[in-house]
N, C-alpha and C. Protein backbone atom coordinates (compact mmCIF):
# COMPACT_ATOMS: atom_id res chain seq x y z
N MET A 1 0.86 -1.18 0.00
CA MET A 1 0.00 0.00 0.00
C MET A 1 0.90 1.23 0.00
N SER A 2 0.55 2.20 -0.79
CA SER A 2 1.36 3.41 -0.92
C SER A 2 0.97 4.42 0.13
N ASP A 3 1.95 5.01 0.75
CA ASP A 3 1.73 6.06 1.75
C ASP A 3 1.26 7.32 1.04
N SER A 4 0.34 8.08 1.64
CA SER A 4 -0.19 9.28 1.00
C SER A 4 0.87 10.35 0.82
N THR A 5 1.94 10.29 1.59
CA THR A 5 2.99 11.30 1.46
C THR A 5 3.88 11.04 0.26
N ASP A 6 3.80 9.81 -0.34
CA ASP A 6 4.62 9.51 -1.51
C ASP A 6 4.30 10.45 -2.67
N ALA A 7 3.09 10.92 -2.76
CA ALA A 7 2.68 11.79 -3.85
C ALA A 7 3.36 13.15 -3.76
N GLU A 8 3.84 13.52 -2.57
CA GLU A 8 4.48 14.81 -2.40
C GLU A 8 5.90 14.84 -2.95
N PHE A 9 6.52 13.68 -3.11
CA PHE A 9 7.90 13.62 -3.57
C PHE A 9 7.93 13.61 -5.09
N ILE A 10 8.91 14.32 -5.64
CA ILE A 10 9.05 14.39 -7.09
C ILE A 10 10.24 13.53 -7.50
N ASP A 11 10.02 12.72 -8.49
CA ASP A 11 11.08 11.86 -9.01
C ASP A 11 12.03 12.72 -9.85
N PRO A 12 13.30 12.85 -9.42
CA PRO A 12 14.24 13.68 -10.16
C PRO A 12 14.44 13.23 -11.60
N SER A 13 14.27 11.95 -11.90
CA SER A 13 14.47 11.47 -13.27
C SER A 13 13.35 11.94 -14.20
N SER A 14 12.23 12.38 -13.62
CA SER A 14 11.13 12.84 -14.45
C SER A 14 11.23 14.33 -14.78
N GLN A 15 12.20 15.02 -14.17
CA GLN A 15 12.37 16.45 -14.40
C GLN A 15 13.08 16.70 -15.72
N THR A 16 12.63 17.70 -16.43
CA THR A 16 13.30 18.07 -17.67
C THR A 16 14.36 19.11 -17.37
N GLU A 17 15.37 19.15 -18.18
CA GLU A 17 16.46 20.12 -17.99
C GLU A 17 15.96 21.50 -18.37
N MET A 18 16.52 22.51 -17.72
CA MET A 18 16.18 23.90 -18.05
C MET A 18 16.78 24.22 -19.40
N SER A 19 16.08 25.05 -20.15
CA SER A 19 16.62 25.46 -21.44
C SER A 19 17.80 26.39 -21.22
N ASP A 20 18.67 26.46 -22.21
CA ASP A 20 19.84 27.33 -22.12
C ASP A 20 19.45 28.79 -21.94
N GLU A 21 18.29 29.19 -22.47
CA GLU A 21 17.83 30.57 -22.38
C GLU A 21 17.53 30.98 -20.94
N SER A 22 17.09 30.04 -20.11
CA SER A 22 16.72 30.38 -18.74
C SER A 22 17.87 30.22 -17.76
N ALA A 23 18.99 29.69 -18.22
CA ALA A 23 20.14 29.48 -17.34
C ALA A 23 20.84 30.81 -17.06
N LEU A 24 21.49 30.88 -15.92
CA LEU A 24 22.25 32.06 -15.57
C LEU A 24 23.51 32.14 -16.43
N PRO A 25 23.99 33.34 -16.67
CA PRO A 25 25.23 33.46 -17.46
C PRO A 25 26.40 32.80 -16.72
N ASN A 26 27.36 32.33 -17.49
CA ASN A 26 28.50 31.63 -16.91
C ASN A 26 29.57 32.56 -16.37
N LYS A 27 29.44 33.85 -16.56
CA LYS A 27 30.47 34.76 -16.04
C LYS A 27 30.31 34.89 -14.53
N PRO A 28 31.42 35.07 -13.83
CA PRO A 28 31.35 35.16 -12.35
C PRO A 28 30.59 36.41 -11.90
N ILE A 29 29.88 36.25 -10.82
CA ILE A 29 29.14 37.36 -10.24
C ILE A 29 30.05 38.03 -9.22
N GLU A 30 30.19 39.32 -9.36
CA GLU A 30 31.06 40.07 -8.45
C GLU A 30 30.34 40.27 -7.12
N PRO A 31 31.03 40.04 -6.00
CA PRO A 31 30.40 40.28 -4.70
C PRO A 31 30.20 41.78 -4.47
N ILE A 32 29.23 42.09 -3.67
CA ILE A 32 28.98 43.49 -3.33
C ILE A 32 30.09 43.94 -2.40
N ALA A 33 30.64 45.09 -2.71
CA ALA A 33 31.74 45.61 -1.90
C ALA A 33 31.25 45.93 -0.48
N SER A 34 32.10 45.67 0.46
CA SER A 34 31.81 45.98 1.85
C SER A 34 31.79 47.51 2.03
N ILE A 35 30.95 47.98 2.90
CA ILE A 35 30.84 49.42 3.15
C ILE A 35 31.55 49.75 4.45
N GLU A 36 32.47 50.66 4.37
CA GLU A 36 33.23 51.11 5.54
C GLU A 36 32.80 52.52 5.90
N LEU A 37 32.47 52.72 7.15
CA LEU A 37 32.20 54.07 7.64
C LEU A 37 33.53 54.77 7.86
N PRO A 38 33.56 56.08 7.70
CA PRO A 38 34.80 56.79 8.02
C PRO A 38 35.08 56.65 9.51
N PRO A 39 36.35 56.67 9.90
CA PRO A 39 36.65 56.58 11.33
C PRO A 39 35.91 57.69 12.09
N PRO A 40 35.43 57.38 13.28
CA PRO A 40 34.64 58.38 14.01
C PRO A 40 35.49 59.55 14.50
N GLU A 41 34.96 60.75 14.29
CA GLU A 41 35.60 61.93 14.89
C GLU A 41 35.16 62.04 16.34
N ASP A 42 33.89 61.69 16.59
CA ASP A 42 33.34 61.72 17.93
C ASP A 42 32.28 60.64 18.03
N ALA A 43 32.68 59.47 18.52
CA ALA A 43 31.76 58.33 18.61
C ALA A 43 30.54 58.64 19.46
N GLY A 44 30.73 59.46 20.49
CA GLY A 44 29.60 59.85 21.35
C GLY A 44 28.54 60.61 20.58
N LYS A 45 28.97 61.55 19.74
CA LYS A 45 28.01 62.31 18.92
C LYS A 45 27.31 61.41 17.91
N GLU A 46 28.07 60.49 17.33
CA GLU A 46 27.46 59.53 16.41
C GLU A 46 26.38 58.72 17.13
N GLY A 47 26.69 58.30 18.35
CA GLY A 47 25.74 57.53 19.13
C GLY A 47 24.48 58.33 19.46
N GLN A 48 24.66 59.62 19.79
CA GLN A 48 23.51 60.48 20.07
C GLN A 48 22.65 60.62 18.82
N TRP A 49 23.31 60.81 17.67
CA TRP A 49 22.57 60.91 16.41
C TRP A 49 21.80 59.62 16.16
N LEU A 50 22.48 58.47 16.31
CA LEU A 50 21.82 57.19 16.05
C LEU A 50 20.66 56.97 17.01
N GLN A 51 20.86 57.28 18.27
CA GLN A 51 19.78 57.08 19.26
C GLN A 51 18.56 57.92 18.89
N ARG A 52 18.78 59.18 18.59
CA ARG A 52 17.67 60.08 18.23
C ARG A 52 16.99 59.63 16.94
N THR A 53 17.79 59.32 15.93
CA THR A 53 17.25 58.94 14.62
C THR A 53 16.53 57.61 14.68
N LEU A 54 17.12 56.63 15.36
CA LEU A 54 16.47 55.32 15.50
C LEU A 54 15.19 55.44 16.31
N HIS A 55 15.21 56.21 17.38
CA HIS A 55 14.01 56.41 18.20
C HIS A 55 12.88 57.00 17.34
N ASN A 56 13.21 58.02 16.54
CA ASN A 56 12.20 58.60 15.64
C ASN A 56 11.68 57.57 14.65
N TRP A 57 12.59 56.77 14.09
CA TRP A 57 12.18 55.76 13.13
C TRP A 57 11.25 54.74 13.78
N LEU A 58 11.61 54.27 14.97
CA LEU A 58 10.78 53.29 15.68
C LEU A 58 9.39 53.85 15.96
N ASP A 59 9.34 55.11 16.41
CA ASP A 59 8.04 55.74 16.71
C ASP A 59 7.19 55.93 15.45
N GLU A 60 7.83 56.27 14.34
CA GLU A 60 7.08 56.52 13.11
C GLU A 60 6.65 55.24 12.40
N GLU A 61 7.43 54.19 12.56
CA GLU A 61 7.15 52.96 11.85
C GLU A 61 5.88 52.27 12.37
N PHE A 62 5.66 52.26 13.67
CA PHE A 62 4.43 51.71 14.24
C PHE A 62 3.78 52.74 15.15
N LEU A 63 4.00 52.60 16.44
CA LEU A 63 3.40 53.52 17.41
C LEU A 63 4.47 54.07 18.32
N PRO A 64 4.35 55.34 18.70
CA PRO A 64 5.29 55.87 19.70
C PRO A 64 5.06 55.15 21.03
N GLU A 65 6.12 54.55 21.55
CA GLU A 65 6.03 53.84 22.82
C GLU A 65 7.29 54.13 23.63
N THR A 66 7.16 54.07 24.93
CA THR A 66 8.30 54.30 25.82
C THR A 66 9.42 53.32 25.54
N VAL A 67 9.07 52.08 25.24
CA VAL A 67 10.08 51.05 25.02
C VAL A 67 10.98 51.39 23.83
N ASN A 68 10.47 52.16 22.88
CA ASN A 68 11.27 52.54 21.72
C ASN A 68 12.49 53.36 22.13
N GLU A 69 12.33 54.20 23.12
CA GLU A 69 13.44 55.00 23.63
C GLU A 69 14.53 54.10 24.22
N HIS A 70 14.10 53.08 24.94
CA HIS A 70 15.05 52.14 25.55
C HIS A 70 15.77 51.31 24.48
N ILE A 71 15.03 50.88 23.48
CA ILE A 71 15.62 50.10 22.38
C ILE A 71 16.66 50.94 21.66
N ALA A 72 16.31 52.17 21.33
CA ALA A 72 17.24 53.06 20.61
C ALA A 72 18.48 53.33 21.45
N ALA A 73 18.31 53.52 22.75
CA ALA A 73 19.45 53.78 23.63
C ALA A 73 20.38 52.57 23.67
N ARG A 74 19.81 51.39 23.76
CA ARG A 74 20.64 50.16 23.82
C ARG A 74 21.40 49.96 22.51
N ALA A 75 20.72 50.11 21.38
CA ALA A 75 21.37 49.95 20.08
C ALA A 75 22.49 50.98 19.91
N ALA A 76 22.24 52.22 20.32
CA ALA A 76 23.25 53.27 20.21
C ALA A 76 24.45 52.96 21.11
N GLN A 77 24.19 52.41 22.28
CA GLN A 77 25.27 52.05 23.20
C GLN A 77 26.20 51.00 22.57
N VAL A 78 25.61 50.00 21.96
CA VAL A 78 26.39 48.96 21.29
C VAL A 78 27.18 49.58 20.13
N PHE A 79 26.52 50.42 19.37
CA PHE A 79 27.16 51.07 18.22
C PHE A 79 28.37 51.88 18.66
N VAL A 80 28.21 52.70 19.70
CA VAL A 80 29.31 53.54 20.18
C VAL A 80 30.48 52.68 20.65
N ARG A 81 30.19 51.64 21.40
CA ARG A 81 31.26 50.78 21.88
C ARG A 81 32.03 50.16 20.72
N GLN A 82 31.30 49.69 19.72
CA GLN A 82 31.94 49.09 18.56
C GLN A 82 32.81 50.10 17.82
N ARG A 83 32.29 51.31 17.66
CA ARG A 83 33.05 52.36 16.96
C ARG A 83 34.30 52.74 17.75
N MET A 84 34.18 52.81 19.07
CA MET A 84 35.33 53.16 19.91
C MET A 84 36.40 52.06 19.88
N GLU A 85 35.95 50.82 19.61
CA GLU A 85 36.89 49.71 19.49
C GLU A 85 37.49 49.62 18.09
N GLY A 86 37.12 50.56 17.22
CA GLY A 86 37.72 50.63 15.89
C GLY A 86 36.94 49.96 14.78
N GLU A 87 35.72 49.55 15.05
CA GLU A 87 34.92 48.89 14.00
C GLU A 87 34.30 49.94 13.09
N ASN A 88 34.59 49.82 11.80
CA ASN A 88 34.05 50.75 10.80
C ASN A 88 33.24 50.05 9.72
N ASN A 89 33.26 48.72 9.72
CA ASN A 89 32.55 47.96 8.69
C ASN A 89 31.06 47.91 9.01
N LEU A 90 30.25 48.34 8.05
CA LEU A 90 28.81 48.40 8.27
C LEU A 90 28.21 47.04 8.62
N ASN A 91 28.62 46.00 7.90
CA ASN A 91 28.08 44.67 8.18
C ASN A 91 28.42 44.22 9.60
N ALA A 92 29.65 44.45 10.01
CA ALA A 92 30.07 44.04 11.35
C ALA A 92 29.32 44.83 12.42
N LEU A 93 29.07 46.10 12.17
CA LEU A 93 28.32 46.91 13.14
C LEU A 93 26.88 46.41 13.27
N VAL A 94 26.25 46.12 12.14
CA VAL A 94 24.86 45.62 12.16
C VAL A 94 24.80 44.26 12.87
N LEU A 95 25.77 43.39 12.59
CA LEU A 95 25.78 42.07 13.25
C LEU A 95 26.03 42.20 14.75
N ALA A 96 26.88 43.14 15.15
CA ALA A 96 27.13 43.35 16.58
C ALA A 96 25.85 43.80 17.28
N ILE A 97 25.13 44.71 16.65
CA ILE A 97 23.87 45.18 17.23
C ILE A 97 22.86 44.04 17.29
N LEU A 98 22.76 43.28 16.22
CA LEU A 98 21.86 42.13 16.20
C LEU A 98 22.20 41.16 17.32
N THR A 99 23.45 40.82 17.45
CA THR A 99 23.88 39.85 18.47
C THR A 99 23.59 40.35 19.87
N GLU A 100 23.94 41.59 20.15
CA GLU A 100 23.74 42.13 21.50
C GLU A 100 22.27 42.37 21.82
N MET A 101 21.48 42.69 20.80
CA MET A 101 20.05 42.94 21.04
C MET A 101 19.28 41.63 21.24
N GLN A 102 19.90 40.49 20.96
CA GLN A 102 19.22 39.21 21.19
C GLN A 102 18.94 39.01 22.68
N GLY A 103 19.70 39.65 23.53
CA GLY A 103 19.47 39.54 24.97
C GLY A 103 18.45 40.54 25.49
N TYR A 104 17.94 41.41 24.62
CA TYR A 104 16.97 42.43 25.03
C TYR A 104 15.57 41.82 25.04
N ASP A 105 14.75 42.22 26.01
CA ASP A 105 13.37 41.73 26.11
C ASP A 105 12.46 42.56 25.21
N PHE A 106 12.09 42.02 24.08
CA PHE A 106 11.24 42.71 23.11
C PHE A 106 9.75 42.41 23.33
N SER A 107 9.39 41.82 24.45
CA SER A 107 8.00 41.40 24.67
C SER A 107 7.02 42.57 24.71
N LYS A 108 7.50 43.77 25.00
CA LYS A 108 6.61 44.94 25.05
C LYS A 108 6.78 45.82 23.82
N SER A 109 7.27 45.24 22.76
CA SER A 109 7.56 46.00 21.55
C SER A 109 7.02 45.29 20.33
N PHE A 110 6.81 46.08 19.27
CA PHE A 110 6.42 45.50 17.97
C PHE A 110 7.65 44.97 17.24
N TYR A 111 8.82 45.30 17.72
CA TYR A 111 10.06 45.03 17.01
C TYR A 111 10.78 43.80 17.53
N SER A 112 11.82 43.41 16.79
CA SER A 112 12.72 42.34 17.19
C SER A 112 14.14 42.84 16.97
N GLU A 113 15.09 42.05 17.42
CA GLU A 113 16.49 42.43 17.22
C GLU A 113 16.83 42.56 15.75
N PHE A 114 16.18 41.76 14.90
CA PHE A 114 16.45 41.82 13.46
C PHE A 114 15.95 43.14 12.87
N ALA A 115 14.75 43.55 13.25
CA ALA A 115 14.21 44.81 12.74
C ALA A 115 15.06 45.98 13.18
N VAL A 116 15.52 45.96 14.42
CA VAL A 116 16.34 47.06 14.94
C VAL A 116 17.68 47.11 14.22
N ALA A 117 18.35 45.98 14.09
CA ALA A 117 19.65 45.95 13.43
C ALA A 117 19.53 46.37 11.96
N ASN A 118 18.50 45.90 11.28
CA ASN A 118 18.28 46.30 9.89
C ASN A 118 17.99 47.79 9.78
N ALA A 119 17.21 48.32 10.71
CA ALA A 119 16.91 49.75 10.70
C ALA A 119 18.19 50.56 10.90
N VAL A 120 19.05 50.13 11.80
CA VAL A 120 20.33 50.82 12.01
C VAL A 120 21.13 50.82 10.71
N GLY A 121 21.21 49.67 10.05
CA GLY A 121 21.92 49.59 8.78
C GLY A 121 21.35 50.54 7.75
N ASP A 122 20.03 50.57 7.64
CA ASP A 122 19.37 51.48 6.69
C ASP A 122 19.64 52.94 7.02
N LEU A 123 19.56 53.29 8.30
CA LEU A 123 19.80 54.68 8.71
C LEU A 123 21.25 55.10 8.44
N LEU A 124 22.17 54.19 8.67
CA LEU A 124 23.58 54.50 8.40
C LEU A 124 23.82 54.66 6.90
N LEU A 125 23.23 53.78 6.09
CA LEU A 125 23.36 53.91 4.64
C LEU A 125 22.78 55.24 4.17
N GLU A 126 21.62 55.57 4.68
CA GLU A 126 20.98 56.84 4.32
C GLU A 126 21.87 58.02 4.69
N SER A 127 22.51 57.96 5.86
CA SER A 127 23.37 59.05 6.30
C SER A 127 24.60 59.19 5.42
N LEU A 128 25.01 58.10 4.77
CA LEU A 128 26.15 58.13 3.86
C LEU A 128 25.74 58.46 2.43
N GLY A 129 24.43 58.60 2.20
CA GLY A 129 23.93 58.90 0.86
C GLY A 129 23.91 57.69 -0.06
N ILE A 130 23.85 56.50 0.53
CA ILE A 130 23.84 55.26 -0.25
C ILE A 130 22.42 54.71 -0.28
N GLU A 131 21.95 54.36 -1.49
CA GLU A 131 20.62 53.79 -1.62
C GLU A 131 20.55 52.44 -0.92
N ARG A 132 19.48 52.21 -0.18
CA ARG A 132 19.37 51.00 0.64
C ARG A 132 19.11 49.75 -0.18
N CYS A 133 18.41 49.89 -1.26
CA CYS A 133 18.04 48.67 -2.00
C CYS A 133 18.21 48.87 -3.48
N CYS A 134 18.85 47.89 -4.05
CA CYS A 134 19.01 47.93 -5.50
C CYS A 134 17.65 47.77 -6.16
N GLY A 135 17.47 48.47 -7.23
CA GLY A 135 16.21 48.37 -7.96
C GLY A 135 15.12 49.24 -7.39
N ASN A 136 15.36 49.92 -6.30
CA ASN A 136 14.35 50.78 -5.70
C ASN A 136 14.39 52.11 -6.43
N SER A 137 13.33 52.41 -7.16
CA SER A 137 13.32 53.62 -7.99
C SER A 137 12.83 54.85 -7.24
N GLU A 138 12.46 54.70 -6.02
CA GLU A 138 11.93 55.84 -5.28
C GLU A 138 13.04 56.73 -4.77
């Protein structure tokens, strides 16, 4: 007797090959260059800017809540520490914020550590005049 889940599996030998027209080009794809922030002139001022800007973003994205101020302060604190330790790579800064915010209690917030870290990355890109998303025509 055949199990009902057998119908969910596809036999690879029954698959047809993709046409050459739909295949990706054989030339290597260049990786996206890493983005480096300029060394901080005043990490404390950068942190104040990030805290204020992130707090505004959090309040505007959903609802203004007291917890947003705390989230922005914590993310800015991590950012400042990383900058003072010499970190200028945008990806590394976003990952540091993501990692450290995993210990934050988001139960009273609409946000998560991922949303906060991504927002920080977007705000930093915007401050550098770099478009956040390829293909975005706005």
